[in-house]
Amino acid sequence: MDTENRQDIDNQQEPEARQELGSGAELSSSLELGASLELGSSSEPGSSPEPGSPEPGSSPEPSSSLEPGSSPELEDLQALEGRQEKLLHRLEQVQALEAEVSRREALIKEKETAKKQVLLRLSPSLWQQIANWAELDFRSINSQIEYILSKAVLEHNRKT
């Protein structure tokens, strides 16, 4: 009995479904229209797509309402942010290196400018001669003594 009831129900529903859909020609034309709308072409077969509409078979361009990670603008922005972070890190490294170089330069300069104090006992006549020579060269007596000693060391190094 179950199979007879099912057949009766199917037979009753078929004419109603046919009436709703109409004839087969109407059905095939509506299917063609639906397919052409999905592809983005006009309802006439063989017609070219409208300007600015995607070509049949091509995927549509992503819009800004799609998923957040799928838009090219967002990907570009994320790539730029990544580059910016790398550059900021590199800038910090460069600044740290510059600070180290400045510190080392200051130490070298301090060593070069720091002079050793030497207690020097000179006769009054030698002192006077060095003072006169320093006056002619517009130097202080200390710088004149340093000049004389530097010159003597250079001559000594040339000979050896």
Protein backbone atom coordinates (compact mmCIF):
# COMPACT_ATOMS: atom_id res chain seq x y z
CA MET A 1 0.00 0.00 0.00
CA ASP A 2 2.80 2.36 0.67
CA THR A 3 4.05 2.24 -2.89
CA GLU A 4 0.55 2.88 -4.28
CA ASN A 5 0.15 5.96 -2.07
CA ARG A 6 3.50 7.31 -3.20
CA GLN A 7 2.65 6.83 -6.86
CA ASP A 8 -0.69 8.59 -6.38
CA ILE A 9 1.03 11.54 -4.69
CA ASP A 10 3.72 11.71 -7.40
CA ASN A 11 1.10 11.56 -10.16
CA GLN A 12 -0.89 14.35 -8.52
CA GLN A 13 2.20 16.57 -8.09
CA GLU A 14 3.55 16.13 -11.65
CA PRO A 15 0.74 18.02 -13.44
CA GLU A 16 0.96 20.83 -10.87
CA ALA A 17 4.73 21.12 -11.35
CA ARG A 18 4.34 21.14 -15.13
CA GLN A 19 1.79 23.92 -14.93
CA GLU A 20 4.09 26.00 -12.70
CA LEU A 21 7.10 25.57 -14.99
CA GLY A 22 5.28 25.92 -18.26
CA SER A 23 6.37 24.31 -21.50
CA GLY A 24 9.83 22.85 -22.14
CA ALA A 25 10.78 25.73 -24.50
CA GLU A 26 10.07 28.28 -21.79
CA LEU A 27 12.08 26.22 -19.32
CA SER A 28 15.13 25.98 -21.57
CA SER A 29 15.03 29.72 -22.38
CA SER A 30 14.84 30.57 -18.67
CA LEU A 31 17.78 28.25 -18.00
CA GLU A 32 19.79 29.98 -20.75
CA LEU A 33 18.85 33.37 -19.33
CA GLY A 34 19.93 32.30 -15.84
CA ALA A 35 23.21 30.92 -17.12
CA SER A 36 23.93 34.07 -19.13
CA LEU A 37 23.20 36.25 -16.11
CA GLU A 38 25.60 34.21 -13.98
CA LEU A 39 28.34 34.64 -16.59
CA GLY A 40 27.70 38.35 -16.83
CA SER A 41 26.61 38.35 -20.47
CA SER A 42 23.38 39.60 -22.00
CA SER A 43 20.38 37.38 -22.62
CA GLU A 44 21.03 37.17 -26.34
CA PRO A 45 23.28 34.33 -27.42
CA GLY A 46 26.41 35.43 -29.28
CA SER A 47 26.30 39.02 -28.02
CA SER A 48 29.38 40.59 -26.52
CA PRO A 49 29.51 41.52 -22.86
CA GLU A 50 28.91 45.07 -21.76
CA PRO A 51 31.97 47.28 -21.29
CA GLY A 52 33.30 47.09 -17.75
CA SER A 53 31.61 43.75 -17.05
CA PRO A 54 33.80 40.69 -16.51
CA GLU A 55 34.30 38.36 -19.43
CA PRO A 56 32.54 34.99 -19.33
CA GLY A 57 34.55 32.43 -17.46
CA SER A 58 36.63 35.01 -15.60
CA SER A 59 36.36 35.50 -11.88
CA PRO A 60 35.00 38.83 -10.68
CA GLU A 61 37.36 41.32 -9.04
CA PRO A 62 37.33 41.21 -5.25
CA SER A 63 35.28 43.96 -3.74
CA SER A 64 35.94 45.76 -0.51
CA SER A 65 33.03 43.91 1.11
CA LEU A 66 34.81 40.54 0.83
CA GLU A 67 36.80 38.90 3.58
CA PRO A 68 39.26 41.25 5.34
CA GLY A 69 42.37 39.29 4.33
CA SER A 70 41.47 38.99 0.66
CA SER A 71 41.61 42.58 -0.59
CA PRO A 72 44.81 43.65 -2.36
CA GLU A 73 44.77 47.03 -0.61
CA LEU A 74 44.80 45.34 2.79
CA GLU A 75 47.58 42.99 1.73
CA ASP A 76 49.61 45.96 0.46
CA LEU A 77 49.01 47.80 3.70
CA GLN A 78 50.10 44.78 5.74
CA ALA A 79 53.22 44.41 3.59
CA LEU A 80 54.05 48.09 4.11
CA GLU A 81 53.55 47.76 7.86
CA GLY A 82 55.91 44.78 7.88
CA ARG A 83 58.53 46.75 5.97
CA GLN A 84 58.08 49.69 8.32
CA GLU A 85 58.67 47.48 11.36
CA LYS A 86 61.82 46.04 9.76
CA LEU A 87 63.07 49.54 8.93
CA LEU A 88 62.38 50.78 12.46
CA HIS A 89 64.29 47.81 13.87
CA ARG A 90 67.17 48.51 11.48
CA LEU A 91 67.09 52.20 12.46
CA GLU A 92 67.42 51.24 16.13
CA GLN A 93 70.40 49.03 15.27
CA VAL A 94 72.06 51.82 13.28
CA GLN A 95 71.49 54.31 16.09
CA ALA A 96 73.01 51.89 18.60
CA LEU A 97 76.04 51.42 16.32
CA GLU A 98 76.40 55.19 15.90
CA ALA A 99 76.31 55.63 19.68
CA GLU A 100 79.04 52.97 20.06
CA VAL A 101 81.18 54.64 17.37
CA SER A 102 80.74 58.04 19.05
CA ARG A 103 81.75 56.57 22.39
CA ARG A 104 84.86 54.98 20.90
CA GLU A 105 85.79 58.20 19.08
CA ALA A 106 85.47 60.10 22.34
CA LEU A 107 87.79 57.60 24.06
CA ILE A 108 90.36 57.88 21.25
CA LYS A 109 90.17 61.67 21.29
CA GLU A 110 90.54 61.68 25.05
CA LYS A 111 93.64 59.50 24.79
CA GLU A 112 95.12 61.72 22.10
CA THR A 113 94.38 64.97 23.88
CA ALA A 114 95.26 63.71 27.32
CA LYS A 115 98.84 64.68 27.90
CA LYS A 116 101.19 63.25 30.38
CA GLN A 117 102.53 65.67 32.88
CA VAL A 118 106.28 65.59 33.13
CA LEU A 119 108.38 67.31 35.69
CA LEU A 120 111.29 68.79 33.75
CA ARG A 121 114.26 70.46 35.36
CA LEU A 122 115.97 72.92 33.02
CA SER A 123 118.78 75.37 33.55
CA PRO A 124 117.69 79.02 33.56
CA SER A 125 119.66 79.76 30.37
CA LEU A 126 118.04 76.85 28.44
CA TRP A 127 114.68 77.93 29.77
CA GLN A 128 115.26 81.46 28.47
CA GLN A 129 116.35 80.26 25.03
CA ILE A 130 113.23 78.07 24.71
CA ALA A 131 111.07 81.00 25.87
CA ASN A 132 112.58 83.32 23.21
CA TRP A 133 112.10 80.69 20.49
CA ALA A 134 108.48 80.11 21.60
CA GLU A 135 107.83 83.85 21.43
CA LEU A 136 109.10 84.00 17.84
CA ASP A 137 106.82 81.06 16.83
CA PHE A 138 103.86 82.45 18.83
CA ARG A 139 103.67 79.38 21.07
CA SER A 140 103.63 78.85 24.76
CA ILE A 141 106.75 77.48 26.42
CA ASN A 142 105.05 74.12 27.04
CA SER A 143 103.96 73.76 23.40
CA GLN A 144 107.45 74.82 22.25
CA ILE A 145 109.01 72.07 24.37
CA GLU A 146 106.51 69.57 22.96
CA TYR A 147 107.36 70.71 19.41
CA ILE A 148 111.11 70.32 20.04
CA LEU A 149 110.66 66.85 21.53
CA SER A 150 108.33 65.71 18.66
CA LYS A 151 110.80 66.94 16.08
CA ALA A 152 113.68 65.15 17.83
CA VAL A 153 111.70 61.87 17.96
CA LEU A 154 110.85 62.10 14.22
CA GLU A 155 114.52 62.63 13.32
CA HIS A 156 115.52 59.72 15.51
CA ASN A 157 112.94 57.44 13.81
CA ARG A 158 114.14 58.44 10.35
CA LYS A 159 117.71 57.47 11.17
CA THR A 160 116.74 54.04 12.48
